[in-house]
Amino acid sequence: MAAPMPSPFLIIQSDWNEALKNENGRAWITCKTVGSQGIQGELISRGAAEGITASQRFKVLSADDRSLQVSHSDPNCKCWFVCPSATFDAIHKKSVLSLDVSGGGLGVSSCVQNKLRVWETENGTVRRALEGHLGDVYTCRFFPSGVVVLSGGADMRLKIWSVENGQCAATMTGHVREDHNLFLVKCSDNR
């Protein structure tokens, strides 16, 4: 059985909503597939009458003050972006690679400095620094319970963490490539 092809995804400048407020405001956007070079484009605000235009086969499908829907034709992908209602600059000092939010008011995120953090979504207070990966942490997700985190990255290891005490409960090895995506399926005893 052949390995599934990685899905393309879109990345946008983090302050796109501020950058595109004024006429001729500009923001970058990238279409990326894991393992290949990204396609960079630009979004340009043309004022209220003309809206937002895009370059490099990107297309703005809809836009308002708080959200933006953008697609790219090759590879075919589209995404809704919603501007943040708050920003927390103290969680990470470098670019965030992965972020997930639990229903219980916690967030987990990783950055390019190999830092994995659990924080409060209301105010950005860091609750735990999860340390133990041997390289960059590319992806992190909460289990449905909101008290367990799964992470993966360049060290080709998946780690299961307790949010309550910050300890690594288990490390899974044996992958032959780094982990970029994690998907969790909710089960009755999925802690």
N, C-alpha and C. Protein backbone atom coordinates (compact mmCIF):
# COMPACT_ATOMS: atom_id res chain seq x y z
N MET A 1 0.84 -1.17 0.00
CA MET A 1 0.00 0.00 0.00
C MET A 1 0.89 1.24 0.00
N ALA A 2 0.63 2.15 -0.90
CA ALA A 2 1.44 3.36 -1.02
C ALA A 2 1.13 4.31 0.13
N ALA A 3 2.16 5.06 0.54
CA ALA A 3 1.98 6.06 1.60
C ALA A 3 1.08 7.17 1.09
N PRO A 4 0.22 7.71 1.95
CA PRO A 4 -0.65 8.80 1.51
C PRO A 4 0.17 10.04 1.17
N MET A 5 -0.29 10.76 0.17
CA MET A 5 0.38 12.00 -0.23
C MET A 5 0.09 13.07 0.82
N PRO A 6 1.10 13.85 1.21
CA PRO A 6 0.85 14.92 2.18
C PRO A 6 -0.10 15.96 1.60
N SER A 7 -0.96 16.49 2.43
CA SER A 7 -1.92 17.51 1.99
C SER A 7 -1.26 18.89 2.01
N PRO A 8 -1.54 19.71 1.02
CA PRO A 8 -1.02 21.08 1.04
C PRO A 8 -1.76 21.91 2.08
N PHE A 9 -1.10 22.93 2.59
CA PHE A 9 -1.72 23.83 3.55
C PHE A 9 -1.25 25.25 3.29
N LEU A 10 -2.00 26.21 3.81
CA LEU A 10 -1.68 27.62 3.63
C LEU A 10 -1.17 28.21 4.93
N ILE A 11 -0.19 29.09 4.81
CA ILE A 11 0.36 29.83 5.94
C ILE A 11 0.27 31.31 5.58
N ILE A 12 -0.15 32.13 6.54
CA ILE A 12 -0.32 33.56 6.26
C ILE A 12 0.44 34.38 7.30
N GLN A 13 0.85 35.55 6.92
CA GLN A 13 1.50 36.49 7.83
C GLN A 13 0.64 36.64 9.08
N SER A 14 1.25 36.56 10.27
CA SER A 14 0.47 36.52 11.51
C SER A 14 -0.36 37.77 11.76
N ASP A 15 0.08 38.92 11.30
CA ASP A 15 -0.68 40.15 11.50
C ASP A 15 -1.39 40.61 10.22
N TRP A 16 -1.86 39.64 9.41
CA TRP A 16 -2.46 39.95 8.12
C TRP A 16 -3.61 40.94 8.24
N ASN A 17 -4.42 40.82 9.28
CA ASN A 17 -5.57 41.72 9.42
C ASN A 17 -5.13 43.17 9.62
N GLU A 18 -4.05 43.40 10.34
CA GLU A 18 -3.52 44.75 10.52
C GLU A 18 -2.87 45.25 9.23
N ALA A 19 -2.10 44.36 8.58
CA ALA A 19 -1.38 44.74 7.36
C ALA A 19 -2.32 45.10 6.22
N LEU A 20 -3.50 44.48 6.17
CA LEU A 20 -4.43 44.71 5.06
C LEU A 20 -5.53 45.74 5.36
N LYS A 21 -5.44 46.41 6.51
CA LYS A 21 -6.46 47.41 6.87
C LYS A 21 -6.47 48.61 5.94
N ASN A 22 -5.30 49.05 5.55
CA ASN A 22 -5.19 50.26 4.73
C ASN A 22 -5.03 49.93 3.26
N GLU A 23 -5.45 50.85 2.40
CA GLU A 23 -5.27 50.67 0.96
C GLU A 23 -3.79 50.49 0.66
N ASN A 24 -3.47 49.57 -0.22
CA ASN A 24 -2.11 49.17 -0.61
C ASN A 24 -1.36 48.44 0.50
N GLY A 25 -2.07 48.04 1.56
CA GLY A 25 -1.45 47.21 2.59
C GLY A 25 -1.12 45.84 2.02
N ARG A 26 -0.05 45.25 2.49
CA ARG A 26 0.42 43.98 1.92
C ARG A 26 0.68 42.95 3.03
N ALA A 27 0.41 41.68 2.70
CA ALA A 27 0.69 40.57 3.60
C ALA A 27 1.14 39.37 2.76
N TRP A 28 2.07 38.60 3.28
CA TRP A 28 2.53 37.42 2.53
C TRP A 28 1.66 36.22 2.86
N ILE A 29 1.64 35.29 1.91
CA ILE A 29 0.93 34.02 2.08
C ILE A 29 1.74 32.94 1.38
N THR A 30 1.73 31.72 1.93
CA THR A 30 2.50 30.62 1.37
C THR A 30 1.62 29.38 1.27
N CYS A 31 1.72 28.66 0.15
CA CYS A 31 1.11 27.35 0.00
C CYS A 31 2.23 26.33 0.13
N LYS A 32 2.11 25.39 1.06
CA LYS A 32 3.20 24.48 1.37
C LYS A 32 2.70 23.06 1.44
N THR A 33 3.49 22.14 0.96
CA THR A 33 3.29 20.72 1.16
C THR A 33 4.55 20.21 1.84
N VAL A 34 4.41 19.42 2.91
CA VAL A 34 5.56 18.92 3.64
C VAL A 34 6.50 18.20 2.67
N GLY A 35 7.77 18.53 2.76
CA GLY A 35 8.78 17.90 1.91
C GLY A 35 9.03 18.61 0.60
N SER A 36 8.32 19.70 0.33
CA SER A 36 8.55 20.43 -0.91
C SER A 36 8.64 21.92 -0.62
N GLN A 37 9.17 22.63 -1.57
CA GLN A 37 9.31 24.07 -1.43
C GLN A 37 7.95 24.74 -1.51
N GLY A 38 7.73 25.75 -0.67
CA GLY A 38 6.47 26.47 -0.65
C GLY A 38 6.35 27.44 -1.82
N ILE A 39 5.13 27.81 -2.14
CA ILE A 39 4.84 28.82 -3.16
C ILE A 39 4.45 30.08 -2.42
N GLN A 40 5.26 31.14 -2.57
CA GLN A 40 5.00 32.40 -1.88
C GLN A 40 4.19 33.33 -2.76
N GLY A 41 3.24 34.00 -2.15
CA GLY A 41 2.43 34.99 -2.83
C GLY A 41 2.23 36.20 -1.95
N GLU A 42 1.47 37.13 -2.47
CA GLU A 42 1.22 38.37 -1.74
C GLU A 42 -0.24 38.75 -1.85
N LEU A 43 -0.79 39.23 -0.75
CA LEU A 43 -2.14 39.77 -0.72
C LEU A 43 -2.00 41.28 -0.64
N ILE A 44 -2.80 42.00 -1.43
CA ILE A 44 -2.72 43.46 -1.46
C ILE A 44 -4.12 44.03 -1.31
N SER A 45 -4.28 44.93 -0.33
CA SER A 45 -5.55 45.60 -0.11
C SER A 45 -5.71 46.71 -1.14
N ARG A 46 -6.82 46.69 -1.86
CA ARG A 46 -7.09 47.69 -2.90
C ARG A 46 -8.16 48.70 -2.47
N GLY A 47 -8.48 48.71 -1.18
CA GLY A 47 -9.51 49.62 -0.69
C GLY A 47 -10.85 48.93 -0.61
N ALA A 48 -11.81 49.58 0.02
CA ALA A 48 -13.13 48.99 0.26
C ALA A 48 -13.85 48.58 -1.02
N ALA A 49 -13.71 49.36 -2.08
CA ALA A 49 -14.45 49.08 -3.32
C ALA A 49 -13.91 47.86 -4.06
N GLU A 50 -12.59 47.71 -4.09
CA GLU A 50 -11.98 46.63 -4.87
C GLU A 50 -11.60 45.41 -4.05
N GLY A 51 -11.54 45.51 -2.74
CA GLY A 51 -11.21 44.36 -1.90
C GLY A 51 -9.73 44.03 -1.88
N ILE A 52 -9.44 42.75 -1.81
CA ILE A 52 -8.06 42.26 -1.69
C ILE A 52 -7.71 41.43 -2.91
N THR A 53 -6.59 41.72 -3.53
CA THR A 53 -6.12 40.93 -4.66
C THR A 53 -4.96 40.03 -4.20
N ALA A 54 -4.66 39.02 -5.00
CA ALA A 54 -3.63 38.06 -4.65
C ALA A 54 -2.77 37.73 -5.86
N SER A 55 -1.54 37.28 -5.60
CA SER A 55 -0.62 36.90 -6.68
C SER A 55 -0.35 35.40 -6.64
N GLN A 56 0.40 34.91 -7.63
CA GLN A 56 0.91 33.53 -7.69
C GLN A 56 -0.18 32.45 -7.56
N ARG A 57 -1.28 32.59 -8.27
CA ARG A 57 -2.38 31.62 -8.30
C ARG A 57 -3.14 31.51 -6.98
N PHE A 58 -2.92 32.46 -6.07
CA PHE A 58 -3.77 32.56 -4.88
C PHE A 58 -5.01 33.34 -5.26
N LYS A 59 -6.12 33.05 -4.59
CA LYS A 59 -7.36 33.75 -4.86
C LYS A 59 -8.07 34.02 -3.53
N VAL A 60 -8.51 35.27 -3.34
CA VAL A 60 -9.28 35.62 -2.16
C VAL A 60 -10.74 35.32 -2.45
N LEU A 61 -11.31 34.38 -1.71
CA LEU A 61 -12.69 33.95 -1.93
C LEU A 61 -13.68 34.83 -1.16
N SER A 62 -13.29 35.26 0.02
CA SER A 62 -14.12 36.19 0.80
C SER A 62 -13.24 36.87 1.84
N ALA A 63 -13.67 38.05 2.26
CA ALA A 63 -12.91 38.81 3.26
C ALA A 63 -13.83 39.76 3.99
N ASP A 64 -13.60 39.92 5.29
CA ASP A 64 -14.25 40.96 6.07
C ASP A 64 -13.25 41.43 7.13
N ASP A 65 -13.69 42.18 8.12
CA ASP A 65 -12.78 42.75 9.11
C ASP A 65 -12.03 41.70 9.93
N ARG A 66 -12.63 40.53 10.14
CA ARG A 66 -12.05 39.54 11.04
C ARG A 66 -11.68 38.21 10.40
N SER A 67 -12.08 38.00 9.14
CA SER A 67 -11.77 36.71 8.52
C SER A 67 -11.46 36.86 7.04
N LEU A 68 -10.79 35.82 6.54
CA LEU A 68 -10.33 35.82 5.16
C LEU A 68 -10.34 34.38 4.67
N GLN A 69 -10.92 34.13 3.51
CA GLN A 69 -10.86 32.79 2.92
C GLN A 69 -10.04 32.90 1.64
N VAL A 70 -8.98 32.07 1.57
CA VAL A 70 -8.04 32.11 0.45
C VAL A 70 -7.88 30.71 -0.10
N SER A 71 -7.71 30.62 -1.42
CA SER A 71 -7.43 29.33 -2.05
C SER A 71 -6.19 29.45 -2.93
N HIS A 72 -5.64 28.30 -3.27
CA HIS A 72 -4.54 28.22 -4.23
C HIS A 72 -4.90 27.13 -5.22
N SER A 73 -4.63 27.37 -6.51
CA SER A 73 -5.11 26.45 -7.54
C SER A 73 -4.23 25.22 -7.76
N ASP A 74 -2.93 25.32 -7.53
CA ASP A 74 -2.05 24.18 -7.81
C ASP A 74 -0.86 24.19 -6.87
N PRO A 75 -0.85 23.43 -5.79
CA PRO A 75 -1.83 22.39 -5.46
C PRO A 75 -3.13 23.00 -4.95
N ASN A 76 -4.19 22.25 -5.11
CA ASN A 76 -5.52 22.73 -4.78
C ASN A 76 -5.73 22.70 -3.26
N CYS A 77 -5.88 23.86 -2.65
CA CYS A 77 -6.18 23.93 -1.23
C CYS A 77 -6.83 25.27 -0.93
N LYS A 78 -7.58 25.31 0.16
CA LYS A 78 -8.15 26.57 0.60
C LYS A 78 -8.24 26.55 2.11
N CYS A 79 -8.32 27.76 2.68
CA CYS A 79 -8.31 27.86 4.13
C CYS A 79 -9.02 29.13 4.57
N TRP A 80 -9.71 29.04 5.71
CA TRP A 80 -10.28 30.20 6.38
C TRP A 80 -9.27 30.67 7.41
N PHE A 81 -9.00 31.96 7.44
CA PHE A 81 -8.15 32.54 8.47
C PHE A 81 -9.02 33.49 9.28
N VAL A 82 -8.94 33.40 10.59
CA VAL A 82 -9.65 34.30 11.48
C VAL A 82 -8.61 35.05 12.29
N CYS A 83 -8.72 36.37 12.31
CA CYS A 83 -7.70 37.15 12.99
C CYS A 83 -7.80 36.95 14.50
N PRO A 84 -6.68 37.04 15.17
CA PRO A 84 -6.68 36.81 16.61
C PRO A 84 -7.42 37.92 17.36
N SER A 85 -8.05 37.55 18.46
CA SER A 85 -8.67 38.56 19.31
C SER A 85 -7.69 39.02 20.37
N ALA A 86 -6.62 38.24 20.59
CA ALA A 86 -5.55 38.60 21.51
C ALA A 86 -4.27 37.94 21.03
N THR A 87 -3.15 38.53 21.34
CA THR A 87 -1.86 37.93 21.02
C THR A 87 -1.06 37.82 22.30
N PHE A 88 -0.28 36.75 22.39
CA PHE A 88 0.54 36.50 23.57
C PHE A 88 1.99 36.39 23.12
N ASP A 89 2.74 37.44 23.32
CA ASP A 89 4.13 37.49 22.87
C ASP A 89 5.11 36.79 23.80
N ALA A 90 4.71 36.45 25.01
CA ALA A 90 5.64 35.88 25.98
C ALA A 90 5.74 34.36 25.91
N ILE A 91 4.86 33.70 25.17
CA ILE A 91 4.89 32.23 25.13
C ILE A 91 6.10 31.75 24.34
N HIS A 92 6.30 32.28 23.15
CA HIS A 92 7.44 31.93 22.30
C HIS A 92 8.08 33.21 21.78
N LYS A 93 9.39 33.17 21.60
CA LYS A 93 10.12 34.31 21.04
C LYS A 93 10.34 34.16 19.54
N LYS A 94 10.17 32.95 19.01
CA LYS A 94 10.39 32.67 17.58
C LYS A 94 9.10 32.12 16.97
N SER A 95 9.13 31.85 15.67
CA SER A 95 7.94 31.41 14.92
C SER A 95 7.33 30.14 15.49
N VAL A 96 6.00 30.16 15.61
CA VAL A 96 5.25 29.01 16.11
C VAL A 96 5.05 28.02 14.96
N LEU A 97 5.34 26.74 15.21
CA LEU A 97 5.18 25.70 14.20
C LEU A 97 3.85 24.97 14.31
N SER A 98 3.35 24.82 15.54
CA SER A 98 2.12 24.07 15.75
C SER A 98 1.41 24.64 16.97
N LEU A 99 0.06 24.59 16.95
CA LEU A 99 -0.73 25.11 18.05
C LEU A 99 -2.04 24.34 18.11
N ASP A 100 -2.47 24.03 19.32
CA ASP A 100 -3.77 23.39 19.51
C ASP A 100 -4.37 23.98 20.78
N VAL A 101 -5.70 23.99 20.86
CA VAL A 101 -6.41 24.55 22.00
C VAL A 101 -7.38 23.50 22.52
N SER A 102 -7.43 23.36 23.84
CA SER A 102 -8.37 22.42 24.46
C SER A 102 -9.68 23.13 24.78
N GLY A 103 -10.70 22.37 25.06
CA GLY A 103 -11.96 22.96 25.48
C GLY A 103 -11.91 23.47 26.91
N GLY A 104 -10.84 23.18 27.63
CA GLY A 104 -10.72 23.56 29.03
C GLY A 104 -9.90 24.81 29.28
N GLY A 105 -9.68 25.62 28.24
CA GLY A 105 -8.98 26.89 28.45
C GLY A 105 -7.47 26.81 28.40
N LEU A 106 -6.93 25.74 27.82
CA LEU A 106 -5.48 25.61 27.69
C LEU A 106 -5.09 25.55 26.22
N GLY A 107 -3.88 26.02 25.93
CA GLY A 107 -3.30 25.90 24.61
C GLY A 107 -1.98 25.18 24.72
N VAL A 108 -1.57 24.53 23.65
CA VAL A 108 -0.24 23.94 23.57
C VAL A 108 0.35 24.38 22.24
N SER A 109 1.64 24.72 22.25
CA SER A 109 2.27 25.19 21.01
C SER A 109 3.75 24.86 21.04
N SER A 110 4.32 24.78 19.82
CA SER A 110 5.75 24.56 19.68
C SER A 110 6.30 25.63 18.74
N CYS A 111 7.60 25.90 18.89
CA CYS A 111 8.22 26.93 18.05
C CYS A 111 9.52 26.41 17.46
N VAL A 112 10.15 27.23 16.62
CA VAL A 112 11.38 26.83 15.92
C VAL A 112 12.58 26.72 16.86
N GLN A 113 12.44 27.10 18.12
CA GLN A 113 13.52 26.96 19.09
C GLN A 113 13.41 25.66 19.90
N ASN A 114 12.64 24.69 19.41
CA ASN A 114 12.47 23.41 20.08
C ASN A 114 11.83 23.59 21.46
N LYS A 115 10.87 24.51 21.56
CA LYS A 115 10.18 24.73 22.82
C LYS A 115 8.72 24.31 22.67
N LEU A 116 8.26 23.53 23.62
CA LEU A 116 6.89 23.04 23.66
C LEU A 116 6.28 23.57 24.95
N ARG A 117 5.21 24.36 24.84
CA ARG A 117 4.64 25.05 25.99
C ARG A 117 3.14 24.77 26.11
N VAL A 118 2.67 24.67 27.35
CA VAL A 118 1.24 24.62 27.66
C VAL A 118 0.92 25.94 28.34
N TRP A 119 -0.16 26.59 27.91
CA TRP A 119 -0.47 27.94 28.39
C TRP A 119 -1.97 28.15 28.49
N GLU A 120 -2.35 29.18 29.25
CA GLU A 120 -3.75 29.52 29.44
C GLU A 120 -4.23 30.37 28.27
N THR A 121 -5.36 29.98 27.67
CA THR A 121 -5.85 30.71 26.50
C THR A 121 -6.42 32.08 26.87
N GLU A 122 -6.81 32.28 28.10
CA GLU A 122 -7.39 33.56 28.51
C GLU A 122 -6.37 34.69 28.60
N ASN A 123 -5.15 34.34 29.10
CA ASN A 123 -4.17 35.40 29.33
C ASN A 123 -2.76 35.10 28.84
N GLY A 124 -2.52 33.91 28.32
CA GLY A 124 -1.20 33.56 27.78
C GLY A 124 -0.18 33.14 28.82
N THR A 125 -0.59 32.95 30.06
CA THR A 125 0.34 32.52 31.11
C THR A 125 0.82 31.10 30.83
N VAL A 126 2.13 30.91 30.77
CA VAL A 126 2.70 29.58 30.52
C VAL A 126 2.56 28.75 31.78
N ARG A 127 1.91 27.60 31.65
CA ARG A 127 1.72 26.67 32.77
C ARG A 127 2.83 25.64 32.86
N ARG A 128 3.26 25.14 31.69
CA ARG A 128 4.27 24.08 31.66
C ARG A 128 5.17 24.25 30.46
N ALA A 129 6.45 23.95 30.64
CA ALA A 129 7.40 23.78 29.55
C ALA A 129 7.64 22.28 29.45
N LEU A 130 7.27 21.70 28.32
CA LEU A 130 7.42 20.25 28.12
C LEU A 130 8.75 20.00 27.42
N GLU A 131 9.70 19.43 28.15
CA GLU A 131 11.06 19.27 27.63
C GLU A 131 11.42 17.80 27.51
N GLY A 132 12.06 17.45 26.39
CA GLY A 132 12.48 16.07 26.20
C GLY A 132 12.71 15.67 24.76
N HIS A 133 12.19 16.44 23.80
CA HIS A 133 12.47 16.14 22.39
C HIS A 133 13.92 16.48 22.10
N LEU A 134 14.53 15.76 21.16
CA LEU A 134 15.93 15.95 20.82
C LEU A 134 16.14 16.87 19.63
N GLY A 135 15.10 17.45 19.10
CA GLY A 135 15.16 18.36 17.96
C GLY A 135 13.91 19.19 17.91
N ASP A 136 13.69 19.86 16.79
CA ASP A 136 12.50 20.70 16.64
C ASP A 136 11.23 19.88 16.84
N VAL A 137 10.24 20.49 17.49
CA VAL A 137 8.93 19.88 17.68
C VAL A 137 8.02 20.47 16.62
N TYR A 138 7.61 19.65 15.65
CA TYR A 138 6.84 20.14 14.51
C TYR A 138 5.34 20.16 14.75
N THR A 139 4.86 19.31 15.66
CA THR A 139 3.41 19.20 15.82
C THR A 139 3.06 18.82 17.26
N CYS A 140 1.92 19.33 17.72
CA CYS A 140 1.45 19.02 19.06
C CYS A 140 -0.08 19.08 19.07
N ARG A 141 -0.71 18.18 19.82
CA ARG A 141 -2.16 18.11 19.88
C ARG A 141 -2.61 17.67 21.27
N PHE A 142 -3.73 18.21 21.71
CA PHE A 142 -4.36 17.74 22.93
C PHE A 142 -5.13 16.47 22.64
N PHE A 143 -5.11 15.53 23.59
CA PHE A 143 -6.07 14.44 23.57
C PHE A 143 -7.43 15.07 23.86
N PRO A 144 -8.54 14.42 23.51
CA PRO A 144 -9.87 15.00 23.75
C PRO A 144 -10.12 15.38 25.22
N SER A 145 -9.47 14.72 26.15
CA SER A 145 -9.65 15.04 27.57
C SER A 145 -9.12 16.42 27.94
N GLY A 146 -8.16 16.94 27.17
CA GLY A 146 -7.56 18.24 27.47
C GLY A 146 -6.49 18.20 28.53
N VAL A 147 -6.16 17.03 29.06
CA VAL A 147 -5.12 16.93 30.09
C VAL A 147 -3.91 16.11 29.64
N VAL A 148 -3.93 15.67 28.40
CA VAL A 148 -2.82 14.91 27.82
C VAL A 148 -2.48 15.53 26.47
N VAL A 149 -1.17 15.64 26.19
CA VAL A 149 -0.68 16.20 24.93
C VAL A 149 0.15 15.15 24.21
N LEU A 150 0.02 15.09 22.89
CA LEU A 150 0.84 14.26 22.03
C LEU A 150 1.68 15.19 21.17
N SER A 151 2.99 14.92 21.07
CA SER A 151 3.87 15.78 20.26
C SER A 151 4.79 14.92 19.41
N GLY A 152 5.27 15.49 18.31
CA GLY A 152 6.19 14.79 17.42
C GLY A 152 7.07 15.79 16.70
N GLY A 153 8.22 15.31 16.23
CA GLY A 153 9.11 16.24 15.55
C GLY A 153 10.29 15.60 14.87
N ALA A 154 11.37 16.38 14.79
CA ALA A 154 12.55 16.00 14.03
C ALA A 154 13.28 14.79 14.61
N ASP A 155 13.10 14.51 15.88
CA ASP A 155 13.78 13.36 16.50
C ASP A 155 13.09 12.04 16.19
N MET A 156 12.04 12.07 15.37
CA MET A 156 11.31 10.87 14.94
C MET A 156 10.69 10.12 16.12
N ARG A 157 10.33 10.87 17.16
CA ARG A 157 9.69 10.30 18.34
C ARG A 157 8.35 10.98 18.58
N LEU A 158 7.39 10.21 19.00
CA LEU A 158 6.14 10.76 19.50
C LEU A 158 6.19 10.69 21.01
N LYS A 159 5.76 11.76 21.66
CA LYS A 159 5.77 11.80 23.12
C LYS A 159 4.37 12.10 23.63
N ILE A 160 4.01 11.43 24.72
CA ILE A 160 2.75 11.66 25.41
C ILE A 160 3.09 12.35 26.72
N TRP A 161 2.44 13.51 26.95
CA TRP A 161 2.74 14.35 28.11
C TRP A 161 1.52 14.51 29.00
N SER A 162 1.77 14.62 30.30
CA SER A 162 0.73 15.00 31.25
C SER A 162 0.74 16.52 31.37
N VAL A 163 -0.40 17.14 31.12
CA VAL A 163 -0.52 18.59 31.27
C VAL A 163 -0.48 18.96 32.75
N GLU A 164 -0.96 18.07 33.61
CA GLU A 164 -1.05 18.35 35.03
C GLU A 164 0.32 18.50 35.69
N ASN A 165 1.30 17.66 35.30
CA ASN A 165 2.62 17.76 35.95
C ASN A 165 3.77 18.01 34.97
N GLY A 166 3.50 18.03 33.67
CA GLY A 166 4.54 18.30 32.68
C GLY A 166 5.46 17.13 32.37
N GLN A 167 5.18 15.96 32.93
CA GLN A 167 6.02 14.79 32.72
C GLN A 167 5.67 14.07 31.43
N CYS A 168 6.69 13.49 30.81
CA CYS A 168 6.49 12.65 29.64
C CYS A 168 6.10 11.26 30.12
N ALA A 169 4.89 10.84 29.82
CA ALA A 169 4.39 9.54 30.27
C ALA A 169 4.89 8.41 29.39
N ALA A 170 5.14 8.70 28.11
CA ALA A 170 5.59 7.65 27.18
C ALA A 170 6.26 8.29 25.98
N THR A 171 7.26 7.57 25.44
CA THR A 171 7.93 7.96 24.21
C THR A 171 7.83 6.80 23.23
N MET A 172 7.35 7.08 22.04
CA MET A 172 7.22 6.06 21.00
C MET A 172 8.29 6.29 19.95
N THR A 173 9.08 5.26 19.68
CA THR A 173 10.16 5.36 18.70
C THR A 173 9.89 4.39 17.55
N GLY A 174 10.72 4.48 16.53
CA GLY A 174 10.61 3.56 15.42
C GLY A 174 10.18 4.21 14.12
N HIS A 175 9.82 5.47 14.15
CA HIS A 175 9.49 6.16 12.90
C HIS A 175 10.75 6.33 12.06
N VAL A 176 10.61 6.31 10.76
CA VAL A 176 11.76 6.45 9.87
C VAL A 176 11.89 7.86 9.32
N ARG A 177 10.89 8.72 9.60
CA ARG A 177 10.94 10.13 9.21
C ARG A 177 10.35 10.96 10.34
N GLU A 178 10.64 12.24 10.30
CA GLU A 178 10.10 13.13 11.32
C GLU A 178 8.58 13.19 11.22
N ASP A 179 7.95 13.55 12.33
CA ASP A 179 6.50 13.64 12.39
C ASP A 179 6.07 15.08 12.21
N HIS A 180 5.23 15.35 11.19
CA HIS A 180 4.74 16.70 10.92
C HIS A 180 3.26 16.87 11.25
N ASN A 181 2.51 15.77 11.27
CA ASN A 181 1.07 15.86 11.51
C ASN A 181 0.64 14.78 12.50
N LEU A 182 -0.29 15.14 13.36
CA LEU A 182 -0.88 14.20 14.31
C LEU A 182 -2.38 14.29 14.22
N PHE A 183 -3.05 13.16 14.29
CA PHE A 183 -4.49 13.13 14.30
C PHE A 183 -4.93 12.20 15.43
N LEU A 184 -5.85 12.66 16.23
CA LEU A 184 -6.34 11.88 17.35
C LEU A 184 -7.81 11.57 17.13
N VAL A 185 -8.20 10.36 17.45
CA VAL A 185 -9.57 9.92 17.32
C VAL A 185 -10.14 9.77 18.71
N LYS A 186 -11.29 10.40 18.98
CA LYS A 186 -11.88 10.35 20.29
C LYS A 186 -12.50 8.98 20.53
N CYS A 187 -12.12 8.36 21.65
CA CYS A 187 -12.69 7.07 22.08
C CYS A 187 -13.25 7.26 23.48
N SER A 188 -13.95 6.29 23.97
CA SER A 188 -14.59 6.41 25.28
C SER A 188 -13.59 6.56 26.41
N ASP A 189 -12.40 5.97 26.31
CA ASP A 189 -11.41 6.06 27.38
C ASP A 189 -10.16 6.78 26.91
N ASN A 190 -10.31 7.75 26.05
CA ASN A 190 -9.19 8.49 25.47
C ASN A 190 -8.80 9.62 26.40
N ARG A 191 -7.82 9.41 27.23
CA ARG A 191 -7.44 10.41 28.22
C ARG A 191 -6.35 11.26 27.66
